Amino acid sequence: MRPTRGPTLYKVPGSDGLVLAVAPALGSPSVSATLVWRFPKPVFCDGFFLALRPGAVAAATQAARTSLVIVDETNQPIVSDSRGTLRGVTNAPVAAPLLSMFGRGAHPFPIQRPVAAQDQWFVSFQNEDPANVVTLAGLFLLFQGVL
């Protein structure tokens, strides 16, 4: 039975088990391939959460070194650190660190965004740790309604 009230939780395909390589140098993060998520029908997005699998370093350190960028089909940022610049030898877009979005807790980052059917979000992840890989447990989106 589908829920009749409250948000629906959805895991973006391709985000579970994605391994982010070590950064090539300090200040130059490794960048994942871009995941493209196309909304099959109109919904209202209430928030999202990016979960990491336990790694070799403390969870807070891992969250501080892992970042996220989401832009929509018109190239407007949904999540970034708002500077819009490139950095490091990898020319990585400046991304929002997970620790600044989620803190030390496991709660979603709230957004209020209506999306139309066939809208697309382009998601990329970054690892700034020059010694440890990061493995994602998944990017989860919260919707009002059912996909």
N, C-alpha and C. Protein backbone atom coordinates (compact mmCIF):
# COMPACT_ATOMS: atom_id res chain seq x y z
N MET A 1 0.84 -1.18 0.00
CA MET A 1 0.00 0.00 0.00
C MET A 1 0.89 1.25 0.00
N ARG A 2 0.57 2.22 -0.81
CA ARG A 2 1.33 3.46 -0.88
C ARG A 2 0.86 4.43 0.20
N PRO A 3 1.78 5.26 0.71
CA PRO A 3 1.36 6.22 1.74
C PRO A 3 0.38 7.23 1.16
N THR A 4 -0.55 7.66 1.98
CA THR A 4 -1.54 8.62 1.53
C THR A 4 -1.23 10.04 2.00
N ARG A 5 -0.32 10.18 2.96
CA ARG A 5 0.09 11.52 3.36
C ARG A 5 1.54 11.48 3.79
N GLY A 6 2.14 12.65 3.80
CA GLY A 6 3.56 12.73 4.11
C GLY A 6 4.39 12.53 2.86
N PRO A 7 5.67 12.80 2.96
CA PRO A 7 6.53 12.70 1.78
C PRO A 7 6.83 11.26 1.38
N THR A 8 7.12 11.07 0.11
CA THR A 8 7.57 9.81 -0.44
C THR A 8 9.07 9.88 -0.61
N LEU A 9 9.79 8.85 -0.20
CA LEU A 9 11.24 8.79 -0.30
C LEU A 9 11.61 7.99 -1.54
N TYR A 10 12.54 8.54 -2.35
CA TYR A 10 12.93 7.87 -3.59
C TYR A 10 14.44 7.92 -3.71
N LYS A 11 15.07 6.78 -4.03
CA LYS A 11 16.52 6.73 -4.23
C LYS A 11 16.83 6.91 -5.72
N VAL A 12 17.70 7.85 -6.04
CA VAL A 12 18.08 8.12 -7.43
C VAL A 12 18.90 6.95 -7.95
N PRO A 13 18.47 6.34 -9.05
CA PRO A 13 19.21 5.21 -9.61
C PRO A 13 20.65 5.60 -9.95
N GLY A 14 21.57 4.69 -9.66
CA GLY A 14 22.98 4.91 -9.95
C GLY A 14 23.74 5.55 -8.81
N SER A 15 23.03 6.02 -7.77
CA SER A 15 23.73 6.66 -6.66
C SER A 15 24.17 5.67 -5.59
N ASP A 16 23.52 4.53 -5.50
CA ASP A 16 23.86 3.54 -4.49
C ASP A 16 25.11 2.76 -4.91
N GLY A 17 26.13 2.78 -4.07
CA GLY A 17 27.36 2.05 -4.36
C GLY A 17 28.34 2.80 -5.25
N LEU A 18 28.02 4.02 -5.63
CA LEU A 18 28.93 4.81 -6.46
C LEU A 18 30.19 5.13 -5.66
N VAL A 19 31.35 4.82 -6.22
CA VAL A 19 32.63 5.05 -5.54
C VAL A 19 33.27 6.30 -6.11
N LEU A 20 33.61 7.24 -5.21
CA LEU A 20 34.30 8.46 -5.60
C LEU A 20 35.79 8.26 -5.38
N ALA A 21 36.57 8.43 -6.42
CA ALA A 21 38.02 8.22 -6.34
C ALA A 21 38.67 9.22 -5.39
N VAL A 22 39.89 8.91 -4.98
CA VAL A 22 40.63 9.85 -4.14
C VAL A 22 40.92 11.11 -4.95
N ALA A 23 41.06 12.22 -4.25
CA ALA A 23 41.38 13.49 -4.91
C ALA A 23 42.81 13.44 -5.43
N PRO A 24 43.07 14.00 -6.61
CA PRO A 24 44.42 13.97 -7.15
C PRO A 24 45.40 14.84 -6.36
N ALA A 25 44.90 15.85 -5.66
CA ALA A 25 45.76 16.73 -4.86
C ALA A 25 44.89 17.50 -3.88
N LEU A 26 45.49 18.05 -2.85
CA LEU A 26 44.75 18.90 -1.92
C LEU A 26 44.16 20.07 -2.68
N GLY A 27 42.90 20.39 -2.43
CA GLY A 27 42.25 21.51 -3.11
C GLY A 27 41.81 21.21 -4.52
N SER A 28 41.92 19.96 -4.94
CA SER A 28 41.52 19.56 -6.28
C SER A 28 40.74 18.26 -6.20
N PRO A 29 39.42 18.33 -6.02
CA PRO A 29 38.64 17.12 -5.79
C PRO A 29 38.51 16.24 -7.03
N SER A 30 38.29 14.94 -6.76
CA SER A 30 37.89 14.06 -7.85
C SER A 30 36.39 14.29 -8.06
N VAL A 31 35.93 14.16 -9.29
CA VAL A 31 34.53 14.43 -9.62
C VAL A 31 33.93 13.19 -10.27
N SER A 32 32.75 12.83 -9.81
CA SER A 32 32.06 11.66 -10.37
C SER A 32 31.52 11.97 -11.76
N ALA A 33 31.14 10.92 -12.45
CA ALA A 33 30.35 11.10 -13.67
C ALA A 33 29.01 11.71 -13.25
N THR A 34 28.37 12.42 -14.15
CA THR A 34 27.10 13.08 -13.85
C THR A 34 25.95 12.09 -13.95
N LEU A 35 25.13 12.03 -12.90
CA LEU A 35 23.90 11.24 -12.94
C LEU A 35 22.79 12.15 -13.45
N VAL A 36 21.99 11.65 -14.34
CA VAL A 36 20.86 12.42 -14.87
C VAL A 36 19.58 11.78 -14.36
N TRP A 37 18.76 12.58 -13.69
CA TRP A 37 17.48 12.10 -13.18
C TRP A 37 16.38 12.86 -13.90
N ARG A 38 15.52 12.14 -14.62
CA ARG A 38 14.37 12.74 -15.32
C ARG A 38 13.11 12.41 -14.53
N PHE A 39 12.36 13.43 -14.16
CA PHE A 39 11.13 13.23 -13.39
C PHE A 39 10.04 12.70 -14.32
N PRO A 40 9.45 11.54 -13.99
CA PRO A 40 8.45 10.95 -14.88
C PRO A 40 7.10 11.67 -14.85
N LYS A 41 6.84 12.40 -13.78
CA LYS A 41 5.57 13.13 -13.69
C LYS A 41 5.77 14.34 -12.78
N PRO A 42 4.86 15.28 -12.77
CA PRO A 42 5.03 16.45 -11.92
C PRO A 42 4.92 16.09 -10.43
N VAL A 43 5.84 16.62 -9.64
CA VAL A 43 5.84 16.41 -8.19
C VAL A 43 6.36 17.68 -7.52
N PHE A 44 6.28 17.69 -6.21
CA PHE A 44 6.84 18.78 -5.43
C PHE A 44 7.94 18.19 -4.57
N CYS A 45 9.19 18.64 -4.78
CA CYS A 45 10.33 18.10 -4.03
C CYS A 45 10.47 18.88 -2.72
N ASP A 46 10.41 18.14 -1.61
CA ASP A 46 10.53 18.72 -0.27
C ASP A 46 11.95 18.74 0.26
N GLY A 47 12.81 17.88 -0.27
CA GLY A 47 14.17 17.82 0.24
C GLY A 47 14.92 16.64 -0.32
N PHE A 48 16.17 16.50 0.13
CA PHE A 48 17.00 15.39 -0.31
C PHE A 48 18.00 15.06 0.79
N PHE A 49 18.59 13.89 0.68
CA PHE A 49 19.61 13.45 1.62
C PHE A 49 20.60 12.58 0.87
N LEU A 50 21.89 12.81 1.08
CA LEU A 50 22.94 11.98 0.49
C LEU A 50 23.58 11.18 1.62
N ALA A 51 23.46 9.86 1.56
CA ALA A 51 24.01 8.98 2.59
C ALA A 51 25.32 8.37 2.08
N LEU A 52 26.29 8.29 2.98
CA LEU A 52 27.60 7.71 2.68
C LEU A 52 27.74 6.39 3.43
N ARG A 53 28.42 5.45 2.81
CA ARG A 53 28.75 4.21 3.51
C ARG A 53 29.94 4.48 4.42
N PRO A 54 30.01 3.77 5.54
CA PRO A 54 31.15 3.99 6.45
C PRO A 54 32.47 3.79 5.72
N GLY A 55 33.43 4.64 6.04
CA GLY A 55 34.73 4.58 5.38
C GLY A 55 35.86 4.50 6.39
N ALA A 56 37.07 4.78 5.91
CA ALA A 56 38.27 4.66 6.74
C ALA A 56 38.43 5.82 7.71
N VAL A 57 37.71 6.92 7.49
CA VAL A 57 37.82 8.08 8.38
C VAL A 57 36.49 8.31 9.09
N ALA A 58 36.51 9.18 10.09
CA ALA A 58 35.29 9.48 10.85
C ALA A 58 34.20 10.01 9.93
N ALA A 59 32.95 9.75 10.28
CA ALA A 59 31.81 10.16 9.45
C ALA A 59 31.78 11.66 9.20
N ALA A 60 32.07 12.47 10.22
CA ALA A 60 32.06 13.93 10.06
C ALA A 60 33.16 14.38 9.11
N THR A 61 34.32 13.76 9.20
CA THR A 61 35.43 14.09 8.29
C THR A 61 35.07 13.71 6.87
N GLN A 62 34.47 12.54 6.71
CA GLN A 62 34.05 12.08 5.39
C GLN A 62 33.01 13.04 4.80
N ALA A 63 32.06 13.48 5.62
CA ALA A 63 31.02 14.41 5.15
C ALA A 63 31.61 15.77 4.80
N ALA A 64 32.65 16.19 5.50
CA ALA A 64 33.29 17.47 5.21
C ALA A 64 34.06 17.43 3.90
N ARG A 65 34.52 16.26 3.51
CA ARG A 65 35.34 16.12 2.29
C ARG A 65 34.54 15.67 1.08
N THR A 66 33.26 15.38 1.27
CA THR A 66 32.39 14.96 0.17
C THR A 66 31.41 16.08 -0.13
N SER A 67 31.27 16.41 -1.43
CA SER A 67 30.42 17.53 -1.83
C SER A 67 29.47 17.11 -2.94
N LEU A 68 28.50 17.99 -3.19
CA LEU A 68 27.41 17.69 -4.11
C LEU A 68 27.08 18.91 -4.93
N VAL A 69 26.77 18.69 -6.21
CA VAL A 69 26.26 19.73 -7.10
C VAL A 69 25.03 19.17 -7.80
N ILE A 70 23.94 19.94 -7.80
CA ILE A 70 22.74 19.58 -8.57
C ILE A 70 22.34 20.80 -9.37
N VAL A 71 22.18 20.63 -10.68
CA VAL A 71 21.66 21.70 -11.54
C VAL A 71 20.46 21.15 -12.31
N ASP A 72 19.59 22.05 -12.74
CA ASP A 72 18.42 21.59 -13.48
C ASP A 72 18.68 21.67 -14.98
N GLU A 73 17.66 21.35 -15.78
CA GLU A 73 17.82 21.28 -17.23
C GLU A 73 18.10 22.64 -17.88
N THR A 74 17.90 23.72 -17.15
CA THR A 74 18.21 25.06 -17.67
C THR A 74 19.56 25.55 -17.15
N ASN A 75 20.33 24.66 -16.54
CA ASN A 75 21.65 24.95 -15.97
C ASN A 75 21.60 25.88 -14.76
N GLN A 76 20.44 25.92 -14.09
CA GLN A 76 20.31 26.70 -12.85
C GLN A 76 20.68 25.81 -11.67
N PRO A 77 21.55 26.30 -10.78
CA PRO A 77 21.94 25.46 -9.64
C PRO A 77 20.80 25.27 -8.65
N ILE A 78 20.61 24.04 -8.25
CA ILE A 78 19.70 23.70 -7.17
C ILE A 78 20.50 23.57 -5.89
N VAL A 79 21.69 22.96 -6.00
CA VAL A 79 22.62 22.85 -4.89
C VAL A 79 24.02 23.18 -5.40
N SER A 80 24.64 24.17 -4.80
CA SER A 80 26.04 24.50 -5.03
C SER A 80 26.44 25.39 -3.87
N ASP A 81 27.68 25.86 -3.87
CA ASP A 81 28.02 26.77 -2.78
C ASP A 81 27.82 28.21 -3.22
N SER A 82 27.23 28.41 -4.37
CA SER A 82 26.81 29.70 -4.95
C SER A 82 27.92 30.55 -5.54
N ARG A 83 29.17 30.08 -5.50
CA ARG A 83 30.25 30.87 -6.09
C ARG A 83 30.35 30.69 -7.60
N GLY A 84 29.97 29.52 -8.09
CA GLY A 84 29.97 29.30 -9.53
C GLY A 84 31.33 29.34 -10.18
N THR A 85 32.37 28.95 -9.47
CA THR A 85 33.72 28.97 -10.03
C THR A 85 34.25 27.55 -10.16
N LEU A 86 35.35 27.41 -10.87
CA LEU A 86 36.03 26.12 -11.00
C LEU A 86 37.30 26.17 -10.16
N ARG A 87 37.72 24.99 -9.67
CA ARG A 87 38.92 24.99 -8.84
C ARG A 87 39.72 23.73 -9.02
N GLY A 88 41.00 23.84 -8.73
CA GLY A 88 41.90 22.70 -8.77
C GLY A 88 42.28 22.28 -10.17
N VAL A 89 43.18 21.31 -10.23
CA VAL A 89 43.66 20.83 -11.53
C VAL A 89 42.56 20.09 -12.28
N THR A 90 41.51 19.67 -11.57
CA THR A 90 40.42 18.95 -12.23
C THR A 90 39.34 19.89 -12.75
N ASN A 91 39.49 21.22 -12.52
CA ASN A 91 38.47 22.20 -12.92
C ASN A 91 37.09 21.79 -12.43
N ALA A 92 37.02 21.41 -11.16
CA ALA A 92 35.75 20.98 -10.57
C ALA A 92 34.90 22.18 -10.22
N PRO A 93 33.60 22.12 -10.49
CA PRO A 93 32.74 23.21 -10.03
C PRO A 93 32.72 23.23 -8.51
N VAL A 94 32.62 24.42 -7.94
CA VAL A 94 32.59 24.52 -6.49
C VAL A 94 31.28 23.92 -5.99
N ALA A 95 31.39 22.97 -5.08
CA ALA A 95 30.23 22.19 -4.62
C ALA A 95 29.95 22.45 -3.15
N ALA A 96 28.78 22.05 -2.71
CA ALA A 96 28.37 22.22 -1.31
C ALA A 96 28.78 20.98 -0.52
N PRO A 97 29.60 21.16 0.53
CA PRO A 97 30.00 20.01 1.36
C PRO A 97 28.80 19.44 2.12
N LEU A 98 28.78 18.13 2.25
CA LEU A 98 27.67 17.48 2.95
C LEU A 98 27.59 17.91 4.40
N LEU A 99 28.73 18.13 5.05
CA LEU A 99 28.71 18.52 6.46
C LEU A 99 28.00 19.85 6.65
N SER A 100 28.14 20.77 5.71
CA SER A 100 27.46 22.06 5.85
C SER A 100 25.96 21.95 5.58
N MET A 101 25.53 20.96 4.80
CA MET A 101 24.11 20.79 4.50
C MET A 101 23.38 19.96 5.54
N PHE A 102 24.01 18.89 6.01
CA PHE A 102 23.33 17.93 6.87
C PHE A 102 23.85 17.95 8.31
N GLY A 103 24.96 18.63 8.56
CA GLY A 103 25.55 18.58 9.89
C GLY A 103 26.00 17.17 10.21
N ARG A 104 25.95 16.82 11.47
CA ARG A 104 26.35 15.47 11.88
C ARG A 104 25.17 14.52 11.95
N GLY A 105 23.98 14.99 11.61
CA GLY A 105 22.78 14.17 11.71
C GLY A 105 22.41 13.53 10.39
N ALA A 106 21.42 12.68 10.45
CA ALA A 106 20.90 12.02 9.25
C ALA A 106 19.50 12.54 8.98
N HIS A 107 19.42 13.79 8.58
CA HIS A 107 18.13 14.40 8.27
C HIS A 107 18.21 15.04 6.90
N PRO A 108 17.10 15.14 6.20
CA PRO A 108 17.13 15.69 4.84
C PRO A 108 17.39 17.19 4.82
N PHE A 109 17.96 17.64 3.72
CA PHE A 109 18.15 19.06 3.47
C PHE A 109 16.86 19.57 2.84
N PRO A 110 16.18 20.52 3.47
CA PRO A 110 14.88 20.95 2.94
C PRO A 110 15.01 21.87 1.72
N ILE A 111 14.23 21.60 0.72
CA ILE A 111 14.06 22.52 -0.41
C ILE A 111 12.57 22.54 -0.74
N GLN A 112 12.14 23.55 -1.42
CA GLN A 112 10.75 23.66 -1.84
C GLN A 112 10.77 23.89 -3.35
N ARG A 113 10.63 22.82 -4.11
CA ARG A 113 10.81 22.94 -5.55
C ARG A 113 9.77 22.13 -6.31
N PRO A 114 8.88 22.81 -7.05
CA PRO A 114 7.98 22.07 -7.94
C PRO A 114 8.76 21.65 -9.19
N VAL A 115 8.50 20.46 -9.67
CA VAL A 115 9.12 20.00 -10.91
C VAL A 115 8.03 19.48 -11.84
N ALA A 116 8.22 19.70 -13.11
CA ALA A 116 7.26 19.25 -14.12
C ALA A 116 7.70 17.89 -14.66
N ALA A 117 6.78 17.20 -15.30
CA ALA A 117 7.11 15.94 -15.96
C ALA A 117 8.20 16.20 -16.99
N GLN A 118 9.19 15.33 -17.02
CA GLN A 118 10.32 15.36 -17.95
C GLN A 118 11.38 16.40 -17.58
N ASP A 119 11.21 17.15 -16.48
CA ASP A 119 12.32 17.98 -15.99
C ASP A 119 13.48 17.07 -15.64
N GLN A 120 14.70 17.61 -15.75
CA GLN A 120 15.88 16.81 -15.45
C GLN A 120 16.74 17.51 -14.40
N TRP A 121 17.34 16.71 -13.53
CA TRP A 121 18.36 17.20 -12.61
C TRP A 121 19.66 16.47 -12.95
N PHE A 122 20.75 17.22 -12.98
CA PHE A 122 22.07 16.68 -13.25
C PHE A 122 22.85 16.74 -11.94
N VAL A 123 23.28 15.58 -11.47
CA VAL A 123 23.89 15.46 -10.15
C VAL A 123 25.32 14.97 -10.29
N SER A 124 26.25 15.65 -9.61
CA SER A 124 27.62 15.14 -9.55
C SER A 124 28.12 15.24 -8.11
N PHE A 125 29.06 14.38 -7.79
CA PHE A 125 29.60 14.27 -6.45
C PHE A 125 31.10 14.50 -6.50
N GLN A 126 31.66 14.98 -5.40
CA GLN A 126 33.09 15.25 -5.35
C GLN A 126 33.69 14.69 -4.07
N ASN A 127 34.93 14.21 -4.18
CA ASN A 127 35.69 13.75 -3.02
C ASN A 127 36.97 14.58 -2.94
N GLU A 128 37.16 15.27 -1.82
CA GLU A 128 38.36 16.09 -1.62
C GLU A 128 39.42 15.40 -0.79
N ASP A 129 39.22 14.14 -0.45
CA ASP A 129 40.18 13.41 0.36
C ASP A 129 41.26 12.82 -0.55
N PRO A 130 42.54 13.22 -0.36
CA PRO A 130 43.61 12.69 -1.23
C PRO A 130 44.09 11.30 -0.83
N ALA A 131 43.49 10.71 0.24
CA ALA A 131 43.97 9.40 0.69
C ALA A 131 42.89 8.33 0.73
N ASN A 132 41.61 8.70 0.71
CA ASN A 132 40.54 7.72 0.90
C ASN A 132 39.45 7.89 -0.15
N VAL A 133 38.95 6.75 -0.65
CA VAL A 133 37.78 6.79 -1.53
C VAL A 133 36.54 6.99 -0.67
N VAL A 134 35.44 7.42 -1.29
CA VAL A 134 34.15 7.55 -0.63
C VAL A 134 33.16 6.71 -1.42
N THR A 135 32.35 5.94 -0.72
CA THR A 135 31.31 5.14 -1.36
C THR A 135 29.96 5.66 -0.90
N LEU A 136 29.10 5.97 -1.86
CA LEU A 136 27.77 6.49 -1.56
C LEU A 136 26.81 5.36 -1.23
N ALA A 137 25.92 5.63 -0.29
CA ALA A 137 24.83 4.70 0.01
C ALA A 137 23.58 5.09 -0.76
N GLY A 138 23.56 6.30 -1.31
CA GLY A 138 22.45 6.72 -2.14
C GLY A 138 22.07 8.17 -1.95
N LEU A 139 21.54 8.74 -3.02
CA LEU A 139 20.95 10.07 -2.98
C LEU A 139 19.44 9.86 -2.92
N PHE A 140 18.82 10.38 -1.87
CA PHE A 140 17.40 10.18 -1.64
C PHE A 140 16.67 11.49 -1.80
N LEU A 141 15.57 11.47 -2.56
CA LEU A 141 14.73 12.64 -2.77
C LEU A 141 13.41 12.44 -2.02
N LEU A 142 12.88 13.50 -1.43
CA LEU A 142 11.59 13.45 -0.74
C LEU A 142 10.59 14.24 -1.56
N PHE A 143 9.43 13.62 -1.85
CA PHE A 143 8.41 14.24 -2.67
C PHE A 143 7.08 14.32 -1.92
N GLN A 144 6.30 15.31 -2.25
CA GLN A 144 4.88 15.29 -1.89
C GLN A 144 4.20 14.57 -3.04
N GLY A 145 3.46 13.56 -2.74
CA GLY A 145 2.84 12.76 -3.79
C GLY A 145 3.65 11.51 -4.05
N VAL A 146 3.28 10.77 -5.08
CA VAL A 146 3.92 9.50 -5.39
C VAL A 146 4.46 9.56 -6.81
N LEU A 147 5.68 9.08 -7.00
CA LEU A 147 6.26 9.03 -8.35
C LEU A 147 5.72 7.86 -9.13
